[in-house]
Amino acid sequence: MIINPKYAGLLMGLIISLGMSFVMSFVMVSMNVGFTANFLNKWMHASAVFVPIARKYVFKLLAL
């Protein structure tokens, strides 16, 4: 699937918005549940899992 370049900015904005929404909801849950001491460790583990997956799909969508 090839994305028209004029929509690439909109697509990246959507991906960034969804990613920030995920991060902020994760922060709020971690603060409410109370594992803030291990928050950085868990956040790094989550980003290590999700970032390569997201990068693969973004590159595939943008045909890079």
N, C-alpha and C. Protein backbone atom coordinates (compact mmCIF):
# COMPACT_ATOMS: atom_id res chain seq x y z
N MET A 1 0.84 -1.17 0.00
CA MET A 1 0.00 0.00 0.00
C MET A 1 0.89 1.24 0.00
N ILE A 2 0.66 2.13 -0.94
CA ILE A 2 1.46 3.35 -1.05
C ILE A 2 0.58 4.53 -0.66
N ILE A 3 1.11 5.37 0.21
CA ILE A 3 0.39 6.55 0.69
C ILE A 3 0.79 7.74 -0.18
N ASN A 4 -0.20 8.50 -0.58
CA ASN A 4 0.05 9.74 -1.32
C ASN A 4 0.86 10.68 -0.43
N PRO A 5 1.92 11.29 -0.94
CA PRO A 5 2.76 12.17 -0.09
C PRO A 5 2.00 13.31 0.56
N LYS A 6 0.92 13.78 -0.04
CA LYS A 6 0.19 14.88 0.59
C LYS A 6 -0.56 14.42 1.84
N TYR A 7 -0.76 13.10 1.99
CA TYR A 7 -1.40 12.57 3.19
C TYR A 7 -0.40 12.03 4.20
N ALA A 8 0.88 12.03 3.87
CA ALA A 8 1.89 11.46 4.77
C ALA A 8 1.97 12.25 6.07
N GLY A 9 1.89 13.57 6.00
CA GLY A 9 1.93 14.39 7.22
C GLY A 9 0.74 14.11 8.11
N LEU A 10 -0.43 13.96 7.51
CA LEU A 10 -1.65 13.66 8.27
C LEU A 10 -1.53 12.29 8.94
N LEU A 11 -0.99 11.32 8.20
CA LEU A 11 -0.82 9.98 8.75
C LEU A 11 0.18 9.99 9.91
N MET A 12 1.29 10.68 9.74
CA MET A 12 2.27 10.74 10.83
C MET A 12 1.71 11.47 12.04
N GLY A 13 0.92 12.53 11.81
CA GLY A 13 0.27 13.22 12.92
C GLY A 13 -0.67 12.30 13.67
N LEU A 14 -1.41 11.48 12.94
CA LEU A 14 -2.32 10.53 13.57
C LEU A 14 -1.55 9.49 14.38
N ILE A 15 -0.46 8.98 13.81
CA ILE A 15 0.35 7.99 14.52
C ILE A 15 0.96 8.59 15.78
N ILE A 16 1.46 9.81 15.68
CA ILE A 16 2.05 10.47 16.85
C ILE A 16 0.99 10.73 17.91
N SER A 17 -0.20 11.18 17.49
CA SER A 17 -1.28 11.43 18.45
C SER A 17 -1.69 10.16 19.17
N LEU A 18 -1.83 9.07 18.43
CA LEU A 18 -2.19 7.80 19.06
C LEU A 18 -1.09 7.32 20.00
N GLY A 19 0.15 7.50 19.58
CA GLY A 19 1.27 7.09 20.44
C GLY A 19 1.33 7.89 21.72
N MET A 20 1.13 9.20 21.63
CA MET A 20 1.14 10.03 22.83
C MET A 20 -0.04 9.71 23.73
N SER A 21 -1.18 9.40 23.12
CA SER A 21 -2.35 9.01 23.91
C SER A 21 -2.05 7.73 24.68
N PHE A 22 -1.40 6.77 24.02
CA PHE A 22 -1.03 5.52 24.68
C PHE A 22 -0.07 5.79 25.84
N VAL A 23 0.93 6.62 25.61
CA VAL A 23 1.92 6.91 26.65
C VAL A 23 1.27 7.60 27.83
N MET A 24 0.40 8.59 27.57
CA MET A 24 -0.23 9.31 28.67
C MET A 24 -1.18 8.41 29.45
N SER A 25 -1.92 7.55 28.77
CA SER A 25 -2.80 6.64 29.51
C SER A 25 -1.97 5.66 30.33
N PHE A 26 -0.83 5.23 29.80
CA PHE A 26 0.04 4.33 30.56
C PHE A 26 0.59 5.04 31.79
N VAL A 27 0.95 6.32 31.66
CA VAL A 27 1.45 7.09 32.80
C VAL A 27 0.37 7.22 33.86
N MET A 28 -0.86 7.54 33.44
CA MET A 28 -1.94 7.71 34.42
C MET A 28 -2.25 6.39 35.13
N VAL A 29 -2.27 5.30 34.40
CA VAL A 29 -2.53 4.00 35.03
C VAL A 29 -1.40 3.65 35.99
N SER A 30 -0.17 3.91 35.61
CA SER A 30 0.95 3.56 36.48
C SER A 30 0.92 4.39 37.76
N MET A 31 0.51 5.66 37.65
CA MET A 31 0.45 6.49 38.85
C MET A 31 -0.69 6.04 39.75
N ASN A 32 -1.81 5.62 39.16
CA ASN A 32 -2.94 5.18 39.98
C ASN A 32 -2.69 3.82 40.60
N VAL A 33 -2.09 2.92 39.86
CA VAL A 33 -1.86 1.58 40.38
C VAL A 33 -0.74 1.58 41.41
N GLY A 34 0.25 2.43 41.19
CA GLY A 34 1.28 2.59 42.20
C GLY A 34 2.60 1.91 41.91
N PHE A 35 2.89 1.57 40.65
CA PHE A 35 4.21 1.00 40.38
C PHE A 35 5.13 2.05 39.78
N THR A 36 5.05 3.27 40.31
CA THR A 36 5.88 4.35 39.77
C THR A 36 7.37 4.09 39.98
N ALA A 37 7.71 3.29 40.99
CA ALA A 37 9.13 2.99 41.21
C ALA A 37 9.70 2.20 40.03
N ASN A 38 8.88 1.35 39.44
CA ASN A 38 9.34 0.55 38.30
C ASN A 38 8.83 1.10 36.98
N PHE A 39 8.34 2.34 36.99
CA PHE A 39 7.70 2.87 35.78
C PHE A 39 8.67 2.97 34.62
N LEU A 40 9.87 3.49 34.86
CA LEU A 40 10.83 3.67 33.76
C LEU A 40 11.20 2.33 33.14
N ASN A 41 11.40 1.33 33.98
CA ASN A 41 11.74 0.00 33.48
C ASN A 41 10.61 -0.56 32.62
N LYS A 42 9.37 -0.43 33.09
CA LYS A 42 8.23 -0.96 32.33
C LYS A 42 8.01 -0.16 31.05
N TRP A 43 8.22 1.16 31.10
CA TRP A 43 8.02 1.99 29.92
C TRP A 43 9.06 1.65 28.85
N MET A 44 10.31 1.44 29.28
CA MET A 44 11.36 1.08 28.33
C MET A 44 11.07 -0.30 27.71
N HIS A 45 10.56 -1.21 28.50
CA HIS A 45 10.22 -2.53 27.97
C HIS A 45 9.09 -2.42 26.96
N ALA A 46 8.07 -1.62 27.27
CA ALA A 46 6.94 -1.45 26.35
C ALA A 46 7.39 -0.77 25.06
N SER A 47 8.25 0.24 25.17
CA SER A 47 8.70 0.93 23.96
C SER A 47 9.62 0.03 23.14
N ALA A 48 10.39 -0.83 23.80
CA ALA A 48 11.25 -1.76 23.06
C ALA A 48 10.43 -2.77 22.27
N VAL A 49 9.22 -3.05 22.73
CA VAL A 49 8.35 -3.98 22.02
C VAL A 49 7.57 -3.28 20.92
N PHE A 50 7.00 -2.10 21.22
CA PHE A 50 6.07 -1.46 20.29
C PHE A 50 6.75 -0.63 19.20
N VAL A 51 7.89 -0.02 19.48
CA VAL A 51 8.52 0.86 18.50
C VAL A 51 8.95 0.10 17.24
N PRO A 52 9.60 -1.06 17.32
CA PRO A 52 9.95 -1.76 16.08
C PRO A 52 8.73 -2.20 15.27
N ILE A 53 7.66 -2.60 15.96
CA ILE A 53 6.44 -2.99 15.26
C ILE A 53 5.84 -1.79 14.54
N ALA A 54 5.74 -0.67 15.25
CA ALA A 54 5.19 0.54 14.63
C ALA A 54 6.07 1.01 13.48
N ARG A 55 7.39 0.94 13.64
CA ARG A 55 8.30 1.38 12.58
C ARG A 55 8.12 0.52 11.33
N LYS A 56 7.96 -0.79 11.52
CA LYS A 56 7.78 -1.68 10.37
C LYS A 56 6.52 -1.31 9.59
N TYR A 57 5.41 -1.05 10.30
CA TYR A 57 4.16 -0.73 9.61
C TYR A 57 4.20 0.66 8.97
N VAL A 58 4.85 1.62 9.62
CA VAL A 58 4.95 2.96 9.03
C VAL A 58 5.79 2.90 7.76
N PHE A 59 6.92 2.19 7.80
CA PHE A 59 7.74 2.08 6.60
C PHE A 59 7.00 1.35 5.49
N LYS A 60 6.21 0.35 5.86
CA LYS A 60 5.45 -0.38 4.84
C LYS A 60 4.37 0.52 4.24
N LEU A 61 3.69 1.31 5.09
CA LEU A 61 2.64 2.21 4.59
C LEU A 61 3.20 3.30 3.70
N LEU A 62 4.36 3.84 4.09
CA LEU A 62 4.94 4.93 3.32
C LEU A 62 5.84 4.43 2.19
N ALA A 63 5.99 3.13 2.07
CA ALA A 63 6.80 2.50 1.02
C ALA A 63 8.23 3.01 1.03
N LEU A 64 8.85 3.02 2.21
CA LEU A 64 10.24 3.46 2.34
C LEU A 64 11.17 2.27 2.35
